Amino acid sequence: MRMNPSKALLLGAMLACGAGAAAAAPVTLTWNTTLNASTYGGWPGTVGEAVTVSFILDNGGTSTLAQGWASGDFLSYAAIGASGWTFRSTAAPDAVTGGFATDATGAVTAAGDWSRTNTQGAIEASWTHLHTGYWYSNGHNAAAYVTDAQGLQGLFVNNVSDNQIGASWTAALVSVPEPASLALLGAGLLGLGFGRRRAG
């Protein structure tokens, strides 16, 4: 029995949505602040520039509602300046107190006291080849460093202690298409094309 092309496309899309609905999704937790000072030289940006600090975490959940994330859920840390510079680290925190949590509405109610005091080869900064440094989300004066034997570059931001207040953060699902969903959607599109060919 040949399916109507429109129905084939609709079925493929429905199956794709159904397959992706239950899949675990990482979450981005974001805190917005401003650059206070760049110490030790070399860090890009200007005083007063907007800076976005974020964690990507994955607790295996599918929602931002009534969730909790511990340091073991860590995937990455980032600080990004409005002028385009980026600092990223995949080095998991090695100093930890508490975790992140949201309430039933998705509002962040708790923020972890996390930092990484030494990273070897797990830093990516857009303006330098250095791959060693530090990052902080624990109320200290600095938010990040890159360093080697020749020097140290540091990022200091305003309202540093705000990153310990849950309400300073927002949580959002990381939007990444699931491979199974893409395959099912592709099957629906293939069905549509096949149906049109048969009809022609």
C-alpha atoms as a PDB file:
ATOM      1  CA  MET A   1       0.000   0.000   0.000  1.00  0.00           C
ATOM      2  CA  ARG A   2       1.421   3.381  -1.044  1.00  0.00           C
ATOM      3  CA  MET A   3       1.242   6.128   1.564  1.00  0.00           C
ATOM      4  CA  ASN A   4       0.203   9.638   0.639  1.00  0.00           C
ATOM      5  CA  PRO A   5       3.440  11.706   0.358  1.00  0.00           C
ATOM      6  CA  SER A   6       2.225  14.294   2.837  1.00  0.00           C
ATOM      7  CA  LYS A   7       1.335  11.573   5.320  1.00  0.00           C
ATOM      8  CA  ALA A   8       4.786   9.998   4.884  1.00  0.00           C
ATOM      9  CA  LEU A   9       6.461  13.272   5.738  1.00  0.00           C
ATOM     10  CA  LEU A  10       4.195  13.845   8.723  1.00  0.00           C
ATOM     11  CA  LEU A  11       4.807  10.327  10.015  1.00  0.00           C
ATOM     12  CA  GLY A  12       8.578  10.754   9.699  1.00  0.00           C
ATOM     13  CA  ALA A  13       8.468  14.041  11.583  1.00  0.00           C
ATOM     14  CA  MET A  14       6.249  12.587  14.326  1.00  0.00           C
ATOM     15  CA  LEU A  15       8.547   9.597  14.780  1.00  0.00           C
ATOM     16  CA  ALA A  16      11.554  11.897  14.920  1.00  0.00           C
ATOM     17  CA  CYS A  17       9.957  14.060  17.595  1.00  0.00           C
ATOM     18  CA  GLY A  18       8.901  10.999  19.572  1.00  0.00           C
ATOM     19  CA  ALA A  19      12.375   9.494  19.463  1.00  0.00           C
ATOM     20  CA  GLY A  20      14.065  12.706  20.623  1.00  0.00           C
ATOM     21  CA  ALA A  21      11.607  13.514  23.391  1.00  0.00           C
ATOM     22  CA  ALA A  22      12.978  10.942  25.832  1.00  0.00           C
ATOM     23  CA  ALA A  23      16.658  11.428  25.041  1.00  0.00           C
ATOM     24  CA  ALA A  24      18.929  12.897  27.711  1.00  0.00           C
ATOM     25  CA  ALA A  25      20.053  16.443  27.001  1.00  0.00           C
ATOM     26  CA  PRO A  26      22.912  18.514  28.405  1.00  0.00           C
ATOM     27  CA  VAL A  27      22.022  21.798  30.086  1.00  0.00           C
ATOM     28  CA  THR A  28      23.751  25.173  29.876  1.00  0.00           C
ATOM     29  CA  LEU A  29      23.838  27.146  33.132  1.00  0.00           C
ATOM     30  CA  THR A  30      24.652  30.799  32.421  1.00  0.00           C
ATOM     31  CA  TRP A  31      25.699  33.801  34.526  1.00  0.00           C
ATOM     32  CA  ASN A  32      26.093  37.280  33.031  1.00  0.00           C
ATOM     33  CA  THR A  33      28.608  39.756  34.446  1.00  0.00           C
ATOM     34  CA  THR A  34      31.089  42.401  33.254  1.00  0.00           C
ATOM     35  CA  LEU A  35      34.860  42.562  32.935  1.00  0.00           C
ATOM     36  CA  ASN A  36      36.416  44.398  35.874  1.00  0.00           C
ATOM     37  CA  ALA A  37      40.106  44.107  35.049  1.00  0.00           C
ATOM     38  CA  SER A  38      42.548  42.054  33.055  1.00  0.00           C
ATOM     39  CA  THR A  39      45.617  41.556  35.191  1.00  0.00           C
ATOM     40  CA  TYR A  40      49.150  40.399  34.434  1.00  0.00           C
ATOM     41  CA  GLY A  41      48.702  41.521  30.814  1.00  0.00           C
ATOM     42  CA  GLY A  42      47.557  39.740  27.714  1.00  0.00           C
ATOM     43  CA  TRP A  43      43.870  39.097  28.419  1.00  0.00           C
ATOM     44  CA  PRO A  44      41.692  40.678  25.713  1.00  0.00           C
ATOM     45  CA  GLY A  45      38.593  42.828  26.175  1.00  0.00           C
ATOM     46  CA  THR A  46      37.934  46.130  27.898  1.00  0.00           C
ATOM     47  CA  VAL A  47      36.792  47.134  31.370  1.00  0.00           C
ATOM     48  CA  GLY A  48      32.996  47.153  31.522  1.00  0.00           C
ATOM     49  CA  GLU A  49      32.605  44.682  28.674  1.00  0.00           C
ATOM     50  CA  ALA A  50      29.832  42.100  29.086  1.00  0.00           C
ATOM     51  CA  VAL A  51      31.089  38.622  29.982  1.00  0.00           C
ATOM     52  CA  THR A  52      29.022  35.444  29.923  1.00  0.00           C
ATOM     53  CA  VAL A  53      30.160  32.607  32.176  1.00  0.00           C
ATOM     54  CA  SER A  54      28.605  29.197  31.600  1.00  0.00           C
ATOM     55  CA  PHE A  55      28.729  25.542  32.507  1.00  0.00           C
ATOM     56  CA  ILE A  56      27.522  22.702  30.333  1.00  0.00           C
ATOM     57  CA  LEU A  57      26.321  19.880  32.579  1.00  0.00           C
ATOM     58  CA  ASP A  58      24.597  16.560  31.945  1.00  0.00           C
ATOM     59  CA  ASN A  59      22.799  14.649  34.689  1.00  0.00           C
ATOM     60  CA  GLY A  60      21.053  12.312  32.242  1.00  0.00           C
ATOM     61  CA  GLY A  61      17.813  14.267  32.548  1.00  0.00           C
ATOM     62  CA  THR A  62      15.559  15.571  29.804  1.00  0.00           C
ATOM     63  CA  SER A  63      14.404  18.824  31.383  1.00  0.00           C
ATOM     64  CA  THR A  64      15.477  21.921  33.294  1.00  0.00           C
ATOM     65  CA  LEU A  65      12.529  21.562  35.698  1.00  0.00           C
ATOM     66  CA  ALA A  66      13.153  20.382  39.287  1.00  0.00           C
ATOM     67  CA  GLN A  67      16.659  19.166  38.504  1.00  0.00           C
ATOM     68  CA  GLY A  68      19.969  18.938  40.321  1.00  0.00           C
ATOM     69  CA  TRP A  69      23.538  18.809  38.963  1.00  0.00           C
ATOM     70  CA  ALA A  70      26.649  17.710  40.858  1.00  0.00           C
ATOM     71  CA  SER A  71      30.267  18.202  39.845  1.00  0.00           C
ATOM     72  CA  GLY A  72      30.284  14.718  38.308  1.00  0.00           C
ATOM     73  CA  ASP A  73      27.850  16.038  35.683  1.00  0.00           C
ATOM     74  CA  PHE A  74      30.415  18.588  34.441  1.00  0.00           C
ATOM     75  CA  LEU A  75      31.202  18.767  30.712  1.00  0.00           C
ATOM     76  CA  SER A  76      32.758  22.218  30.274  1.00  0.00           C
ATOM     77  CA  TYR A  77      33.277  25.732  31.633  1.00  0.00           C
ATOM     78  CA  ALA A  78      33.442  28.879  29.511  1.00  0.00           C
ATOM     79  CA  ALA A  79      33.882  32.635  29.773  1.00  0.00           C
ATOM     80  CA  ILE A  80      32.997  34.608  26.639  1.00  0.00           C
ATOM     81  CA  GLY A  81      33.464  38.333  26.090  1.00  0.00           C
ATOM     82  CA  ALA A  82      31.102  40.550  24.115  1.00  0.00           C
ATOM     83  CA  SER A  83      34.044  41.568  21.904  1.00  0.00           C
ATOM     84  CA  GLY A  84      34.446  37.966  20.736  1.00  0.00           C
ATOM     85  CA  TRP A  85      37.203  36.407  22.856  1.00  0.00           C
ATOM     86  CA  THR A  86      36.541  32.966  24.332  1.00  0.00           C
ATOM     87  CA  PHE A  87      38.024  30.943  27.196  1.00  0.00           C
ATOM     88  CA  ARG A  88      36.939  27.312  27.532  1.00  0.00           C
ATOM     89  CA  SER A  89      37.973  24.417  29.744  1.00  0.00           C
ATOM     90  CA  THR A  90      37.001  20.771  29.800  1.00  0.00           C
ATOM     91  CA  ALA A  91      38.989  20.152  33.001  1.00  0.00           C
ATOM     92  CA  ALA A  92      36.506  19.050  35.673  1.00  0.00           C
ATOM     93  CA  PRO A  93      36.395  20.952  38.978  1.00  0.00           C
ATOM     94  CA  ASP A  94      38.808  19.757  41.659  1.00  0.00           C
ATOM     95  CA  ALA A  95      37.490  21.985  44.472  1.00  0.00           C
ATOM     96  CA  VAL A  96      33.766  21.537  45.016  1.00  0.00           C
ATOM     97  CA  THR A  97      31.082  22.546  47.497  1.00  0.00           C
ATOM     98  CA  GLY A  98      27.422  22.006  46.653  1.00  0.00           C
ATOM     99  CA  GLY A  99      25.747  21.791  43.280  1.00  0.00           C
ATOM    100  CA  PHE A 100      23.274  23.482  40.963  1.00  0.00           C
ATOM    101  CA  ALA A 101      19.523  23.014  41.285  1.00  0.00           C
ATOM    102  CA  THR A 102      16.293  24.267  39.736  1.00  0.00           C
ATOM    103  CA  ASP A 103      12.732  24.391  41.021  1.00  0.00           C
ATOM    104  CA  ALA A 104       9.553  23.150  39.328  1.00  0.00           C
ATOM    105  CA  THR A 105       9.449  26.273  37.135  1.00  0.00           C
ATOM    106  CA  GLY A 106      13.049  25.876  35.914  1.00  0.00           C
ATOM    107  CA  ALA A 107      14.394  28.804  37.971  1.00  0.00           C
ATOM    108  CA  VAL A 108      17.884  28.166  39.365  1.00  0.00           C
ATOM    109  CA  THR A 109      17.712  27.985  43.163  1.00  0.00           C
ATOM    110  CA  ALA A 110      21.266  26.903  44.048  1.00  0.00           C
ATOM    111  CA  ALA A 111      24.718  27.357  42.532  1.00  0.00           C
ATOM    112  CA  GLY A 112      27.758  25.217  43.191  1.00  0.00           C
ATOM    113  CA  ASP A 113      31.038  26.519  44.593  1.00  0.00           C
ATOM    114  CA  TRP A 114      33.338  24.993  41.980  1.00  0.00           C
ATOM    115  CA  SER A 115      36.831  25.671  40.683  1.00  0.00           C
ATOM    116  CA  ARG A 116      39.710  24.040  38.874  1.00  0.00           C
ATOM    117  CA  THR A 117      43.066  25.046  40.283  1.00  0.00           C
ATOM    118  CA  ASN A 118      45.336  23.491  37.660  1.00  0.00           C
ATOM    119  CA  THR A 119      44.622  22.368  34.117  1.00  0.00           C
ATOM    120  CA  GLN A 120      47.081  20.630  31.834  1.00  0.00           C
ATOM    121  CA  GLY A 121      46.133  20.753  28.165  1.00  0.00           C
ATOM    122  CA  ALA A 122      42.430  21.354  28.833  1.00  0.00           C
ATOM    123  CA  ILE A 123      42.196  25.108  28.168  1.00  0.00           C
ATOM    124  CA  GLU A 124      41.251  26.736  24.866  1.00  0.00           C
ATOM    125  CA  ALA A 125      41.587  30.518  24.647  1.00  0.00           C
ATOM    126  CA  SER A 126      40.872  32.253  21.352  1.00  0.00           C
ATOM    127  CA  TRP A 127      43.803  34.678  21.551  1.00  0.00           C
ATOM    128  CA  THR A 128      46.677  32.476  22.724  1.00  0.00           C
ATOM    129  CA  HIS A 129      48.334  29.103  22.200  1.00  0.00           C
ATOM    130  CA  LEU A 130      48.565  28.504  25.968  1.00  0.00           C
ATOM    131  CA  HIS A 131      46.693  25.414  27.166  1.00  0.00           C
ATOM    132  CA  THR A 132      47.269  25.565  30.915  1.00  0.00           C
ATOM    133  CA  GLY A 133      45.347  27.663  33.404  1.00  0.00           C
ATOM    134  CA  TYR A 134      42.695  27.928  36.088  1.00  0.00           C
ATOM    135  CA  TRP A 135      38.998  28.688  36.342  1.00  0.00           C
ATOM    136  CA  TYR A 136      36.808  29.722  39.261  1.00  0.00           C
ATOM    137  CA  SER A 137      33.134  29.930  40.100  1.00  0.00           C
ATOM    138  CA  ASN A 138      33.478  30.325  43.842  1.00  0.00           C
ATOM    139  CA  GLY A 139      33.266  33.961  44.876  1.00  0.00           C
ATOM    140  CA  HIS A 140      36.987  34.671  44.475  1.00  0.00           C
ATOM    141  CA  ASN A 141      38.170  37.792  42.670  1.00  0.00           C
ATOM    142  CA  ALA A 142      39.143  36.018  39.455  1.00  0.00           C
ATOM    143  CA  ALA A 143      37.049  34.020  36.987  1.00  0.00           C
ATOM    144  CA  ALA A 144      39.813  32.485  34.849  1.00  0.00           C
ATOM    145  CA  TYR A 145      43.542  32.418  34.062  1.00  0.00           C
ATOM    146  CA  VAL A 146      45.804  31.181  31.337  1.00  0.00           C
ATOM    147  CA  THR A 147      49.430  30.596  32.253  1.00  0.00           C
ATOM    148  CA  ASP A 148      52.785  29.136  31.317  1.00  0.00           C
ATOM    149  CA  ALA A 149      56.346  29.416  32.646  1.00  0.00           C
ATOM    150  CA  GLN A 150      56.720  32.857  31.048  1.00  0.00           C
ATOM    151  CA  GLY A 151      53.648  34.576  32.395  1.00  0.00           C
ATOM    152  CA  LEU A 152      50.113  34.680  33.741  1.00  0.00           C
ATOM    153  CA  GLN A 153      46.974  36.273  32.274  1.00  0.00           C
ATOM    154  CA  GLY A 154      43.943  36.754  34.497  1.00  0.00           C
ATOM    155  CA  LEU A 155      40.275  37.641  34.038  1.00  0.00           C
ATOM    156  CA  PHE A 156      38.615  39.568  36.855  1.00  0.00           C
ATOM    157  CA  VAL A 157      34.881  40.302  36.690  1.00  0.00           C
ATOM    158  CA  ASN A 158      32.413  42.471  38.599  1.00  0.00           C
ATOM    159  CA  ASN A 159      29.967  41.125  41.187  1.00  0.00           C
ATOM    160  CA  VAL A 160      32.022  37.941  41.522  1.00  0.00           C
ATOM    161  CA  SER A 161      30.102  36.710  44.570  1.00  0.00           C
ATOM    162  CA  ASP A 162      26.869  36.745  42.562  1.00  0.00           C
ATOM    163  CA  ASN A 163      27.916  33.458  40.983  1.00  0.00           C
ATOM    164  CA  GLN A 164      27.154  31.844  44.338  1.00  0.00           C
ATOM    165  CA  ILE A 165      23.506  32.965  44.154  1.00  0.00           C
ATOM    166  CA  GLY A 166      21.228  30.563  42.309  1.00  0.00           C
ATOM    167  CA  ALA A 167      18.998  33.356  41.006  1.00  0.00           C
ATOM    168  CA  SER A 168      21.999  34.846  39.160  1.00  0.00           C
ATOM    169  CA  TRP A 169      22.020  31.826  36.840  1.00  0.00           C
ATOM    170  CA  THR A 170      19.663  30.658  34.102  1.00  0.00           C
ATOM    171  CA  ALA A 171      19.258  27.101  32.852  1.00  0.00           C
ATOM    172  CA  ALA A 172      18.487  26.035  29.289  1.00  0.00           C
ATOM    173  CA  LEU A 173      18.671  22.756  27.404  1.00  0.00           C
ATOM    174  CA  VAL A 174      21.505  22.474  24.915  1.00  0.00           C
ATOM    175  CA  SER A 175      19.810  22.104  21.545  1.00  0.00           C
ATOM    176  CA  VAL A 176      21.589  19.255  19.740  1.00  0.00           C
ATOM    177  CA  PRO A 177      19.660  17.115  17.209  1.00  0.00           C
ATOM    178  CA  GLU A 178      19.707  13.440  18.128  1.00  0.00           C
ATOM    179  CA  PRO A 179      21.157  11.155  15.387  1.00  0.00           C
ATOM    180  CA  ALA A 180      18.132   8.825  15.636  1.00  0.00           C
ATOM    181  CA  SER A 181      15.782  11.761  15.205  1.00  0.00           C
ATOM    182  CA  LEU A 182      17.668  12.977  12.163  1.00  0.00           C
ATOM    183  CA  ALA A 183      17.581   9.483  10.658  1.00  0.00           C
ATOM    184  CA  LEU A 184      13.828   9.159  11.167  1.00  0.00           C
ATOM    185  CA  LEU A 185      13.181  12.609   9.751  1.00  0.00           C
ATOM    186  CA  GLY A 186      15.362  11.694   6.780  1.00  0.00           C
ATOM    187  CA  ALA A 187      13.307   8.532   6.283  1.00  0.00           C
ATOM    188  CA  GLY A 188      10.163  10.646   6.197  1.00  0.00           C
ATOM    189  CA  LEU A 189      11.662  12.964   3.616  1.00  0.00           C
ATOM    190  CA  LEU A 190      12.835   9.958   1.595  1.00  0.00           C
ATOM    191  CA  GLY A 191       9.298   8.604   1.714  1.00  0.00           C
ATOM    192  CA  LEU A 192       7.984  11.899   0.436  1.00  0.00           C
ATOM    193  CA  GLY A 193      10.464  11.881  -2.451  1.00  0.00           C
ATOM    194  CA  PHE A 194       9.688   8.245  -3.286  1.00  0.00           C
ATOM    195  CA  GLY A 195       5.973   8.917  -3.216  1.00  0.00           C
ATOM    196  CA  ARG A 196       6.348  11.823  -5.606  1.00  0.00           C
ATOM    197  CA  ARG A 197       8.497   9.723  -7.943  1.00  0.00           C
ATOM    198  CA  ARG A 198       5.919   6.927  -7.989  1.00  0.00           C
ATOM    199  CA  ALA A 199       3.128   9.415  -8.537  1.00  0.00           C
ATOM    200  CA  GLY A 200       5.038  10.950 -11.489  1.00  0.00           C
END
